[in-house]
Amino acid sequence: MVDGVIKDSAHRHLVADEDITHAREHWLVAHTLTDVQRHPFTMYVGPDRAGNLIEVGENWEGDIIHAQPARPQYLPRTKRQQGRRQPWTR
């Protein structure tokens, strides 16, 4: 369940509220990051209602501030990929 508010910034990539909520509730992987002010920020990757993986960003207040189709750097890696350097990493 989403405790905070789904902010307008989460709609930039035209992801529906129901898909955001579904992905947040059924996430597969979560990444803890920090924003530019060094506040904690969690990026969840989960399926939308159609099963497509999307990323959902939740700020330290519990508000959803980001949603879009999942990018490769946030997708779960298989065991085989974990030891290999990916083209999108440094």
PDB file of N, CA and C in Angstrom:
ATOM      1  N   MET A   1       0.838  -1.169   0.000  1.00  0.00           N
ATOM      2  CA  MET A   1       0.000   0.000   0.000  1.00  0.00           C
ATOM      3  C   MET A   1       0.889   1.241   0.000  1.00  0.00           C
ATOM      4  N   VAL A   2       0.502   2.238  -0.750  1.00  0.00           N
ATOM      5  CA  VAL A   2       1.230   3.492  -0.818  1.00  0.00           C
ATOM      6  C   VAL A   2       0.718   4.375   0.322  1.00  0.00           C
ATOM      7  N   ASP A   3       1.629   4.729   1.235  1.00  0.00           N
ATOM      8  CA  ASP A   3       1.223   5.538   2.388  1.00  0.00           C
ATOM      9  C   ASP A   3       1.138   7.018   2.061  1.00  0.00           C
ATOM     10  N   GLY A   4       2.003   7.487   1.179  1.00  0.00           N
ATOM     11  CA  GLY A   4       2.043   8.908   0.833  1.00  0.00           C
ATOM     12  C   GLY A   4       1.144   9.233  -0.343  1.00  0.00           C
ATOM     13  N   VAL A   5       1.470  10.338  -0.964  1.00  0.00           N
ATOM     14  CA  VAL A   5       0.705  10.870  -2.094  1.00  0.00           C
ATOM     15  C   VAL A   5       1.465  10.581  -3.387  1.00  0.00           C
ATOM     16  N   ILE A   6       0.734  10.315  -4.454  1.00  0.00           N
ATOM     17  CA  ILE A   6       1.360  10.192  -5.767  1.00  0.00           C
ATOM     18  C   ILE A   6       1.436  11.604  -6.337  1.00  0.00           C
ATOM     19  N   LYS A   7       2.646  12.143  -6.388  1.00  0.00           N
ATOM     20  CA  LYS A   7       2.867  13.525  -6.828  1.00  0.00           C
ATOM     21  C   LYS A   7       2.733  13.645  -8.345  1.00  0.00           C
ATOM     22  N   ASP A   8       2.521  14.870  -8.821  1.00  0.00           N
ATOM     23  CA  ASP A   8       2.386  15.121 -10.262  1.00  0.00           C
ATOM     24  C   ASP A   8       3.630  14.701 -11.036  1.00  0.00           C
ATOM     25  N   SER A   9       4.810  14.820 -10.415  1.00  0.00           N
ATOM     26  CA  SER A   9       6.051  14.443 -11.097  1.00  0.00           C
ATOM     27  C   SER A   9       6.073  12.964 -11.476  1.00  0.00           C
ATOM     28  N   ALA A  10       5.317  12.127 -10.772  1.00  0.00           N
ATOM     29  CA  ALA A  10       5.258  10.704 -11.078  1.00  0.00           C
ATOM     30  C   ALA A  10       4.519  10.424 -12.376  1.00  0.00           C
ATOM     31  N   HIS A  11       3.771  11.397 -12.875  1.00  0.00           N
ATOM     32  CA  HIS A  11       2.986  11.208 -14.099  1.00  0.00           C
ATOM     33  C   HIS A  11       3.701  11.695 -15.352  1.00  0.00           C
ATOM     34  N   ARG A  12       4.940  12.116 -15.205  1.00  0.00           N
ATOM     35  CA  ARG A  12       5.692  12.650 -16.354  1.00  0.00           C
ATOM     36  C   ARG A  12       5.773  11.646 -17.500  1.00  0.00           C
ATOM     37  N   HIS A  13       5.895  10.356 -17.180  1.00  0.00           N
ATOM     38  CA  HIS A  13       6.013   9.318 -18.207  1.00  0.00           C
ATOM     39  C   HIS A  13       4.686   8.600 -18.453  1.00  0.00           C
ATOM     40  N   LEU A  14       3.592   9.232 -18.032  1.00  0.00           N
ATOM     41  CA  LEU A  14       2.223   8.760 -18.298  1.00  0.00           C
ATOM     42  C   LEU A  14       1.910   7.385 -17.730  1.00  0.00           C
ATOM     43  N   VAL A  15       2.439   7.082 -16.554  1.00  0.00           N
ATOM     44  CA  VAL A  15       2.122   5.830 -15.869  1.00  0.00           C
ATOM     45  C   VAL A  15       0.885   6.079 -15.005  1.00  0.00           C
ATOM     46  N   ALA A  16      -0.105   5.208 -15.124  1.00  0.00           N
ATOM     47  CA  ALA A  16      -1.368   5.365 -14.394  1.00  0.00           C
ATOM     48  C   ALA A  16      -1.175   5.123 -12.891  1.00  0.00           C
ATOM     49  N   ASP A  17      -1.992   5.795 -12.077  1.00  0.00           N
ATOM     50  CA  ASP A  17      -1.934   5.632 -10.621  1.00  0.00           C
ATOM     51  C   ASP A  17      -2.082   4.174 -10.201  1.00  0.00           C
ATOM     52  N   GLU A  18      -2.982   3.453 -10.863  1.00  0.00           N
ATOM     53  CA  GLU A  18      -3.217   2.046 -10.511  1.00  0.00           C
ATOM     54  C   GLU A  18      -1.977   1.200 -10.785  1.00  0.00           C
ATOM     55  N   ASP A  19      -1.261   1.510 -11.861  1.00  0.00           N
ATOM     56  CA  ASP A  19      -0.030   0.778 -12.175  1.00  0.00           C
ATOM     57  C   ASP A  19       1.073   1.122 -11.182  1.00  0.00           C
ATOM     58  N   ILE A  20       1.152   2.387 -10.791  1.00  0.00           N
ATOM     59  CA  ILE A  20       2.137   2.803  -9.791  1.00  0.00           C
ATOM     60  C   ILE A  20       1.897   2.066  -8.479  1.00  0.00           C
ATOM     61  N   THR A  21       0.657   2.062  -8.044  1.00  0.00           N
ATOM     62  CA  THR A  21       0.301   1.392  -6.792  1.00  0.00           C
ATOM     63  C   THR A  21       0.583  -0.102  -6.870  1.00  0.00           C
ATOM     64  N   HIS A  22       0.244  -0.729  -7.992  1.00  0.00           N
ATOM     65  CA  HIS A  22       0.469  -2.164  -8.154  1.00  0.00           C
ATOM     66  C   HIS A  22       1.957  -2.497  -8.084  1.00  0.00           C
ATOM     67  N   ALA A  23       2.774  -1.730  -8.792  1.00  0.00           N
ATOM     68  CA  ALA A  23       4.223  -1.977  -8.788  1.00  0.00           C
ATOM     69  C   ALA A  23       4.819  -1.753  -7.402  1.00  0.00           C
ATOM     70  N   ARG A  24       4.349  -0.739  -6.703  1.00  0.00           N
ATOM     71  CA  ARG A  24       4.866  -0.439  -5.362  1.00  0.00           C
ATOM     72  C   ARG A  24       4.497  -1.537  -4.372  1.00  0.00           C
ATOM     73  N   GLU A  25       3.305  -2.098  -4.513  1.00  0.00           N
ATOM     74  CA  GLU A  25       2.853  -3.145  -3.597  1.00  0.00           C
ATOM     75  C   GLU A  25       3.462  -4.507  -3.910  1.00  0.00           C
ATOM     76  N   HIS A  26       3.831  -4.748  -5.172  1.00  0.00           N
ATOM     77  CA  HIS A  26       4.342  -6.061  -5.599  1.00  0.00           C
ATOM     78  C   HIS A  26       5.771  -5.964  -6.128  1.00  0.00           C
ATOM     79  N   TRP A  27       6.599  -5.147  -5.513  1.00  0.00           N
ATOM     80  CA  TRP A  27       7.953  -4.909  -6.009  1.00  0.00           C
ATOM     81  C   TRP A  27       8.812  -6.164  -5.949  1.00  0.00           C
ATOM     82  N   LEU A  28       9.758  -6.234  -6.877  1.00  0.00           N
ATOM     83  CA  LEU A  28      10.690  -7.361  -6.970  1.00  0.00           C
ATOM     84  C   LEU A  28      12.059  -7.013  -6.411  1.00  0.00           C
ATOM     85  N   VAL A  29      12.464  -5.775  -6.598  1.00  0.00           N
ATOM     86  CA  VAL A  29      13.763  -5.308  -6.102  1.00  0.00           C
ATOM     87  C   VAL A  29      13.619  -3.850  -5.691  1.00  0.00           C
ATOM     88  N   ALA A  30      14.374  -3.465  -4.661  1.00  0.00           N
ATOM     89  CA  ALA A  30      14.365  -2.084  -4.190  1.00  0.00           C
ATOM     90  C   ALA A  30      15.800  -1.595  -4.055  1.00  0.00           C
ATOM     91  N   HIS A  31      16.049  -0.379  -4.486  1.00  0.00           N
ATOM     92  CA  HIS A  31      17.370   0.240  -4.397  1.00  0.00           C
ATOM     93  C   HIS A  31      17.254   1.478  -3.515  1.00  0.00           C
ATOM     94  N   THR A  32      18.095   1.582  -2.505  1.00  0.00           N
ATOM     95  CA  THR A  32      18.112   2.770  -1.666  1.00  0.00           C
ATOM     96  C   THR A  32      19.164   3.720  -2.201  1.00  0.00           C
ATOM     97  N   LEU A  33      18.746   4.925  -2.508  1.00  0.00           N
ATOM     98  CA  LEU A  33      19.610   5.951  -3.080  1.00  0.00           C
ATOM     99  C   LEU A  33      19.494   7.209  -2.223  1.00  0.00           C
ATOM    100  N   THR A  34      20.179   8.273  -2.622  1.00  0.00           N
ATOM    101  CA  THR A  34      19.988   9.570  -1.983  1.00  0.00           C
ATOM    102  C   THR A  34      19.725  10.603  -3.073  1.00  0.00           C
ATOM    103  N   ASP A  35      18.897  11.579  -2.734  1.00  0.00           N
ATOM    104  CA  ASP A  35      18.625  12.644  -3.704  1.00  0.00           C
ATOM    105  C   ASP A  35      19.690  13.733  -3.569  1.00  0.00           C
ATOM    106  N   VAL A  36      19.526  14.820  -4.296  1.00  0.00           N
ATOM    107  CA  VAL A  36      20.545  15.872  -4.307  1.00  0.00           C
ATOM    108  C   VAL A  36      20.711  16.552  -2.952  1.00  0.00           C
ATOM    109  N   GLN A  37      19.703  16.528  -2.108  1.00  0.00           N
ATOM    110  CA  GLN A  37      19.821  17.084  -0.757  1.00  0.00           C
ATOM    111  C   GLN A  37      20.244  16.019   0.260  1.00  0.00           C
ATOM    112  N   ARG A  38      20.644  14.859  -0.245  1.00  0.00           N
ATOM    113  CA  ARG A  38      21.096  13.727   0.581  1.00  0.00           C
ATOM    114  C   ARG A  38      19.988  13.118   1.452  1.00  0.00           C
ATOM    115  N   HIS A  39      18.766  13.236   0.998  1.00  0.00           N
ATOM    116  CA  HIS A  39      17.660  12.542   1.661  1.00  0.00           C
ATOM    117  C   HIS A  39      17.563  11.137   1.095  1.00  0.00           C
ATOM    118  N   PRO A  40      17.154  10.166   1.910  1.00  0.00           N
ATOM    119  CA  PRO A  40      16.979   8.812   1.377  1.00  0.00           C
ATOM    120  C   PRO A  40      15.849   8.763   0.347  1.00  0.00           C
ATOM    121  N   PHE A  41      16.039   7.913  -0.642  1.00  0.00           N
ATOM    122  CA  PHE A  41      15.114   7.785  -1.763  1.00  0.00           C
ATOM    123  C   PHE A  41      15.131   6.313  -2.153  1.00  0.00           C
ATOM    124  N   THR A  42      13.977   5.701  -2.306  1.00  0.00           N
ATOM    125  CA  THR A  42      13.922   4.285  -2.657  1.00  0.00           C
ATOM    126  C   THR A  42      13.326   4.112  -4.043  1.00  0.00           C
ATOM    127  N   MET A  43      14.031   3.366  -4.876  1.00  0.00           N
ATOM    128  CA  MET A  43      13.549   3.062  -6.216  1.00  0.00           C
ATOM    129  C   MET A  43      13.086   1.600  -6.202  1.00  0.00           C
ATOM    130  N   TYR A  44      11.794   1.396  -6.388  1.00  0.00           N
ATOM    131  CA  TYR A  44      11.214   0.054  -6.438  1.00  0.00           C
ATOM    132  C   TYR A  44      11.018  -0.343  -7.893  1.00  0.00           C
ATOM    133  N   VAL A  45      11.259  -1.606  -8.200  1.00  0.00           N
ATOM    134  CA  VAL A  45      10.966  -2.144  -9.522  1.00  0.00           C
ATOM    135  C   VAL A  45       9.940  -3.253  -9.322  1.00  0.00           C
ATOM    136  N   GLY A  46       8.822  -3.118 -10.020  1.00  0.00           N
ATOM    137  CA  GLY A  46       7.769  -4.109  -9.904  1.00  0.00           C
ATOM    138  C   GLY A  46       6.894  -4.089 -11.143  1.00  0.00           C
ATOM    139  N   PRO A  47       5.982  -5.063 -11.240  1.00  0.00           N
ATOM    140  CA  PRO A  47       5.124  -5.143 -12.427  1.00  0.00           C
ATOM    141  C   PRO A  47       3.942  -4.180 -12.347  1.00  0.00           C
ATOM    142  N   ASP A  48       3.588  -3.632 -13.508  1.00  0.00           N
ATOM    143  CA  ASP A  48       2.327  -2.890 -13.567  1.00  0.00           C
ATOM    144  C   ASP A  48       1.199  -3.914 -13.707  1.00  0.00           C
ATOM    145  N   ARG A  49      -0.009  -3.485 -13.912  1.00  0.00           N
ATOM    146  CA  ARG A  49      -1.140  -4.434 -13.984  1.00  0.00           C
ATOM    147  C   ARG A  49      -1.050  -5.363 -15.177  1.00  0.00           C
ATOM    148  N   ALA A  50      -0.302  -4.989 -16.225  1.00  0.00           N
ATOM    149  CA  ALA A  50      -0.133  -5.840 -17.406  1.00  0.00           C
ATOM    150  C   ALA A  50       1.102  -6.735 -17.305  1.00  0.00           C
ATOM    151  N   GLY A  51       1.878  -6.589 -16.241  1.00  0.00           N
ATOM    152  CA  GLY A  51       3.067  -7.411 -16.059  1.00  0.00           C
ATOM    153  C   GLY A  51       4.356  -6.791 -16.568  1.00  0.00           C
ATOM    154  N   ASN A  52       4.294  -5.569 -17.099  1.00  0.00           N
ATOM    155  CA  ASN A  52       5.504  -4.880 -17.546  1.00  0.00           C
ATOM    156  C   ASN A  52       6.219  -4.299 -16.335  1.00  0.00           C
ATOM    157  N   LEU A  53       7.543  -4.394 -16.304  1.00  0.00           N
ATOM    158  CA  LEU A  53       8.285  -3.869 -15.169  1.00  0.00           C
ATOM    159  C   LEU A  53       8.408  -2.349 -15.258  1.00  0.00           C
ATOM    160  N   ILE A  54       8.066  -1.698 -14.159  1.00  0.00           N
ATOM    161  CA  ILE A  54       8.225  -0.253 -14.060  1.00  0.00           C
ATOM    162  C   ILE A  54       9.018   0.067 -12.801  1.00  0.00           C
ATOM    163  N   GLU A  55       9.639   1.236 -12.788  1.00  0.00           N
ATOM    164  CA  GLU A  55      10.342   1.700 -11.595  1.00  0.00           C
ATOM    165  C   GLU A  55       9.505   2.788 -10.949  1.00  0.00           C
ATOM    166  N   VAL A  56       9.442   2.745  -9.637  1.00  0.00           N
ATOM    167  CA  VAL A  56       8.646   3.695  -8.864  1.00  0.00           C
ATOM    168  C   VAL A  56       9.549   4.283  -7.787  1.00  0.00           C
ATOM    169  N   GLY A  57       9.705   5.603  -7.796  1.00  0.00           N
ATOM    170  CA  GLY A  57      10.550   6.276  -6.824  1.00  0.00           C
ATOM    171  C   GLY A  57       9.738   6.855  -5.689  1.00  0.00           C
ATOM    172  N   GLU A  58      10.163   6.532  -4.459  1.00  0.00           N
ATOM    173  CA  GLU A  58       9.470   7.008  -3.260  1.00  0.00           C
ATOM    174  C   GLU A  58      10.448   7.830  -2.430  1.00  0.00           C
ATOM    175  N   ASN A  59      10.061   9.046  -2.059  1.00  0.00           N
ATOM    176  CA  ASN A  59      10.963   9.884  -1.270  1.00  0.00           C
ATOM    177  C   ASN A  59      10.897   9.521   0.208  1.00  0.00           C
ATOM    178  N   TRP A  60      11.695  10.217   1.017  1.00  0.00           N
ATOM    179  CA  TRP A  60      11.805   9.920   2.445  1.00  0.00           C
ATOM    180  C   TRP A  60      10.508  10.166   3.201  1.00  0.00           C
ATOM    181  N   GLU A  61       9.578  10.906   2.621  1.00  0.00           N
ATOM    182  CA  GLU A  61       8.290  11.163   3.262  1.00  0.00           C
ATOM    183  C   GLU A  61       7.231  10.133   2.882  1.00  0.00           C
ATOM    184  N   GLY A  62       7.583   9.194   2.003  1.00  0.00           N
ATOM    185  CA  GLY A  62       6.636   8.176   1.572  1.00  0.00           C
ATOM    186  C   GLY A  62       5.817   8.557   0.361  1.00  0.00           C
ATOM    187  N   ASP A  63       6.129   9.704  -0.254  1.00  0.00           N
ATOM    188  CA  ASP A  63       5.409  10.141  -1.445  1.00  0.00           C
ATOM    189  C   ASP A  63       6.050   9.548  -2.699  1.00  0.00           C
ATOM    190  N   ILE A  64       5.224   9.174  -3.657  1.00  0.00           N
ATOM    191  CA  ILE A  64       5.705   8.659  -4.933  1.00  0.00           C
ATOM    192  C   ILE A  64       6.006   9.860  -5.820  1.00  0.00           C
ATOM    193  N   ILE A  65       7.264   9.993  -6.239  1.00  0.00           N
ATOM    194  CA  ILE A  65       7.659  11.157  -7.025  1.00  0.00           C
ATOM    195  C   ILE A  65       8.161  10.798  -8.417  1.00  0.00           C
ATOM    196  N   HIS A  66       8.237   9.500  -8.721  1.00  0.00           N
ATOM    197  CA  HIS A  66       8.786   9.082 -10.019  1.00  0.00           C
ATOM    198  C   HIS A  66       8.166   7.758 -10.427  1.00  0.00           C
ATOM    199  N   ALA A  67       7.872   7.609 -11.722  1.00  0.00           N
ATOM    200  CA  ALA A  67       7.400   6.331 -12.270  1.00  0.00           C
ATOM    201  C   ALA A  67       7.654   6.322 -13.769  1.00  0.00           C
ATOM    202  N   GLN A  68       8.215   5.233 -14.253  1.00  0.00           N
ATOM    203  CA  GLN A  68       8.457   5.064 -15.688  1.00  0.00           C
ATOM    204  C   GLN A  68       8.796   3.605 -15.946  1.00  0.00           C
ATOM    205  N   PRO A  69       8.821   3.196 -17.231  1.00  0.00           N
ATOM    206  CA  PRO A  69       9.267   1.832 -17.537  1.00  0.00           C
ATOM    207  C   PRO A  69      10.672   1.610 -16.962  1.00  0.00           C
ATOM    208  N   ALA A  70      10.903   0.428 -16.426  1.00  0.00           N
ATOM    209  CA  ALA A  70      12.161   0.139 -15.740  1.00  0.00           C
ATOM    210  C   ALA A  70      13.355   0.218 -16.684  1.00  0.00           C
ATOM    211  N   ARG A  71      14.396   0.910 -16.223  1.00  0.00           N
ATOM    212  CA  ARG A  71      15.647   1.016 -16.970  1.00  0.00           C
ATOM    213  C   ARG A  71      16.570  -0.127 -16.557  1.00  0.00           C
ATOM    214  N   PRO A  72      17.497  -0.516 -17.424  1.00  0.00           N
ATOM    215  CA  PRO A  72      18.357  -1.672 -17.151  1.00  0.00           C
ATOM    216  C   PRO A  72      19.104  -1.614 -15.827  1.00  0.00           C
ATOM    217  N   GLN A  73      19.562  -0.436 -15.410  1.00  0.00           N
ATOM    218  CA  GLN A  73      20.359  -0.370 -14.191  1.00  0.00           C
ATOM    219  C   GLN A  73      19.567  -0.693 -12.929  1.00  0.00           C
ATOM    220  N   TYR A  74      18.242  -0.686 -13.000  1.00  0.00           N
ATOM    221  CA  TYR A  74      17.420  -1.010 -11.836  1.00  0.00           C
ATOM    222  C   TYR A  74      16.818  -2.411 -11.897  1.00  0.00           C
ATOM    223  N   LEU A  75      17.014  -3.115 -13.003  1.00  0.00           N
ATOM    224  CA  LEU A  75      16.451  -4.457 -13.130  1.00  0.00           C
ATOM    225  C   LEU A  75      17.243  -5.460 -12.300  1.00  0.00           C
ATOM    226  N   PRO A  76      16.574  -6.492 -11.802  1.00  0.00           N
ATOM    227  CA  PRO A  76      17.293  -7.537 -11.067  1.00  0.00           C
ATOM    228  C   PRO A  76      18.283  -8.236 -12.003  1.00  0.00           C
ATOM    229  N   ARG A  77      19.451  -8.569 -11.483  1.00  0.00           N
ATOM    230  CA  ARG A  77      20.461  -9.263 -12.278  1.00  0.00           C
ATOM    231  C   ARG A  77      20.434 -10.753 -11.969  1.00  0.00           C
ATOM    232  N   THR A  78      20.740 -11.538 -12.985  1.00  0.00           N
ATOM    233  CA  THR A  78      20.864 -12.972 -12.770  1.00  0.00           C
ATOM    234  C   THR A  78      22.233 -13.246 -12.168  1.00  0.00           C
ATOM    235  N   LYS A  79      22.433 -14.435 -11.645  1.00  0.00           N
ATOM    236  CA  LYS A  79      23.727 -14.796 -11.062  1.00  0.00           C
ATOM    237  C   LYS A  79      24.850 -14.664 -12.084  1.00  0.00           C
ATOM    238  N   ARG A  80      24.563 -15.018 -13.303  1.00  0.00           N
ATOM    239  CA  ARG A  80      25.576 -14.963 -14.352  1.00  0.00           C
ATOM    240  C   ARG A  80      26.014 -13.523 -14.643  1.00  0.00           C
ATOM    241  N   GLN A  81      25.101 -12.574 -14.553  1.00  0.00           N
ATOM    242  CA  GLN A  81      25.398 -11.176 -14.849  1.00  0.00           C
ATOM    243  C   GLN A  81      26.126 -10.475 -13.710  1.00  0.00           C
ATOM    244  N   GLN A  82      26.009 -10.964 -12.489  1.00  0.00           N
ATOM    245  CA  GLN A  82      26.533 -10.247 -11.342  1.00  0.00           C
ATOM    246  C   GLN A  82      28.037 -10.041 -11.395  1.00  0.00           C
ATOM    247  N   GLY A  83      28.787 -10.975 -11.940  1.00  0.00           N
ATOM    248  CA  GLY A  83      30.227 -10.832 -11.988  1.00  0.00           C
ATOM    249  C   GLY A  83      30.733 -10.080 -13.201  1.00  0.00           C
ATOM    250  N   ARG A  84      29.876  -9.823 -14.150  1.00  0.00           N
ATOM    251  CA  ARG A  84      30.263  -9.193 -15.403  1.00  0.00           C
ATOM    252  C   ARG A  84      29.962  -7.695 -15.394  1.00  0.00           C
ATOM    253  N   ARG A  85      30.873  -6.907 -15.901  1.00  0.00           N
ATOM    254  CA  ARG A  85      30.651  -5.467 -15.994  1.00  0.00           C
ATOM    255  C   ARG A  85      29.635  -5.192 -17.107  1.00  0.00           C
ATOM    256  N   GLN A  86      28.656  -4.407 -16.774  1.00  0.00           N
ATOM    257  CA  GLN A  86      27.615  -4.080 -17.740  1.00  0.00           C
ATOM    258  C   GLN A  86      27.975  -2.786 -18.465  1.00  0.00           C
ATOM    259  N   PRO A  87      27.525  -2.598 -19.712  1.00  0.00           N
ATOM    260  CA  PRO A  87      27.879  -1.405 -20.463  1.00  0.00           C
ATOM    261  C   PRO A  87      27.379  -0.100 -19.832  1.00  0.00           C
ATOM    262  N   TRP A  88      26.341  -0.146 -18.986  1.00  0.00           N
ATOM    263  CA  TRP A  88      25.804   1.067 -18.397  1.00  0.00           C
ATOM    264  C   TRP A  88      26.413   1.376 -17.029  1.00  0.00           C
ATOM    265  N   THR A  89      27.390   0.585 -16.578  1.00  0.00           N
ATOM    266  CA  THR A  89      28.034   0.857 -15.285  1.00  0.00           C
ATOM    267  C   THR A  89      29.424   1.422 -15.505  1.00  0.00           C
ATOM    268  N   ARG A  90      29.969   1.986 -14.468  1.00  0.00           N
ATOM    269  CA  ARG A  90      31.331   2.532 -14.539  1.00  0.00           C
ATOM    270  C   ARG A  90      32.317   1.612 -13.908  1.00  0.00           C
TER     271      ARG A  90
END
